[in-house]
């Protein structure tokens, strides 16, 4: 959703993100920047590192 929301102002992006997160099915969100507030919204997080090509799984 990061690219889809990048052109929106912060308030609009947050409102749209909240709407998407209320979707009752599975949501896959790819973020370039994931702050702690955003991190708490997810029950599972998979991090992929370009530098090490390692994957870590949280949740």
C-alpha atoms as a PDB file:
ATOM      1  CA  UNK A   1       0.000   0.000   0.000  1.00  0.00           C
ATOM      2  CA  UNK A   2       2.991   2.262   0.435  1.00  0.00           C
ATOM      3  CA  UNK A   3       3.201   3.207  -3.243  1.00  0.00           C
ATOM      4  CA  UNK A   4      -0.567   3.622  -3.511  1.00  0.00           C
ATOM      5  CA  UNK A   5      -0.620   5.988  -0.529  1.00  0.00           C
ATOM      6  CA  UNK A   6       2.592   7.890  -1.298  1.00  0.00           C
ATOM      7  CA  UNK A   7       0.847  10.641  -3.283  1.00  0.00           C
ATOM      8  CA  UNK A   8      -1.763  11.343  -0.592  1.00  0.00           C
ATOM      9  CA  UNK A   9      -1.524  13.789   2.263  1.00  0.00           C
ATOM     10  CA  UNK A  10      -0.841  12.164   5.651  1.00  0.00           C
ATOM     11  CA  UNK A  11      -4.446  12.420   6.937  1.00  0.00           C
ATOM     12  CA  UNK A  12      -5.949  10.867   3.789  1.00  0.00           C
ATOM     13  CA  UNK A  13      -3.315   8.111   3.740  1.00  0.00           C
ATOM     14  CA  UNK A  14      -4.004   7.269   7.393  1.00  0.00           C
ATOM     15  CA  UNK A  15      -7.769   7.143   6.845  1.00  0.00           C
ATOM     16  CA  UNK A  16      -7.413   4.916   3.795  1.00  0.00           C
ATOM     17  CA  UNK A  17      -4.954   2.678   5.633  1.00  0.00           C
ATOM     18  CA  UNK A  18      -7.391   2.285   8.546  1.00  0.00           C
ATOM     19  CA  UNK A  19     -10.165   1.345   6.124  1.00  0.00           C
ATOM     20  CA  UNK A  20      -7.974  -1.293   4.488  1.00  0.00           C
ATOM     21  CA  UNK A  21      -6.883  -2.688   7.866  1.00  0.00           C
ATOM     22  CA  UNK A  22     -10.543  -3.218   8.842  1.00  0.00           C
ATOM     23  CA  UNK A  23     -11.004  -5.508   5.832  1.00  0.00           C
ATOM     24  CA  UNK A  24     -12.062  -8.899   7.266  1.00  0.00           C
ATOM     25  CA  UNK A  25      -9.786 -10.945   4.996  1.00  0.00           C
ATOM     26  CA  UNK A  26      -6.037 -11.246   4.700  1.00  0.00           C
ATOM     27  CA  UNK A  27      -4.168  -8.025   3.957  1.00  0.00           C
ATOM     28  CA  UNK A  28      -0.647  -8.086   2.553  1.00  0.00           C
ATOM     29  CA  UNK A  29       1.004  -4.701   2.970  1.00  0.00           C
ATOM     30  CA  UNK A  30       4.452  -3.872   1.606  1.00  0.00           C
ATOM     31  CA  UNK A  31       6.067  -0.902   3.330  1.00  0.00           C
ATOM     32  CA  UNK A  32       9.391   0.804   2.743  1.00  0.00           C
ATOM     33  CA  UNK A  33       9.229   2.539   6.113  1.00  0.00           C
ATOM     34  CA  UNK A  34       7.465   0.883   9.044  1.00  0.00           C
ATOM     35  CA  UNK A  35       7.377   2.953  12.211  1.00  0.00           C
ATOM     36  CA  UNK A  36       6.401   1.519  15.610  1.00  0.00           C
ATOM     37  CA  UNK A  37       2.831   2.874  15.443  1.00  0.00           C
ATOM     38  CA  UNK A  38       2.273   1.159  12.098  1.00  0.00           C
ATOM     39  CA  UNK A  39       4.042  -2.025  13.255  1.00  0.00           C
ATOM     40  CA  UNK A  40       1.516  -2.442  16.104  1.00  0.00           C
ATOM     41  CA  UNK A  41      -1.346  -2.641  13.585  1.00  0.00           C
ATOM     42  CA  UNK A  42      -0.158  -5.985  12.229  1.00  0.00           C
ATOM     43  CA  UNK A  43      -0.366  -9.415  13.839  1.00  0.00           C
ATOM     44  CA  UNK A  44       2.403 -10.860  11.632  1.00  0.00           C
ATOM     45  CA  UNK A  45       5.416  -9.150  10.046  1.00  0.00           C
ATOM     46  CA  UNK A  46       7.846 -10.575   7.514  1.00  0.00           C
ATOM     47  CA  UNK A  47      10.978  -8.509   6.934  1.00  0.00           C
ATOM     48  CA  UNK A  48      13.108  -8.969   3.836  1.00  0.00           C
ATOM     49  CA  UNK A  49      16.551  -7.377   3.785  1.00  0.00           C
ATOM     50  CA  UNK A  50      18.147  -6.461   0.453  1.00  0.00           C
ATOM     51  CA  UNK A  51      21.594  -6.325   1.995  1.00  0.00           C
ATOM     52  CA  UNK A  52      21.664  -9.794   3.547  1.00  0.00           C
ATOM     53  CA  UNK A  53      18.911 -11.471   1.522  1.00  0.00           C
ATOM     54  CA  UNK A  54      17.656 -12.926   4.799  1.00  0.00           C
ATOM     55  CA  UNK A  55      14.053 -13.116   5.888  1.00  0.00           C
ATOM     56  CA  UNK A  56      12.889 -12.748   9.484  1.00  0.00           C
ATOM     57  CA  UNK A  57       9.398 -13.579  10.663  1.00  0.00           C
ATOM     58  CA  UNK A  58       7.590 -12.010  13.600  1.00  0.00           C
ATOM     59  CA  UNK A  59       4.294 -13.374  14.894  1.00  0.00           C
END
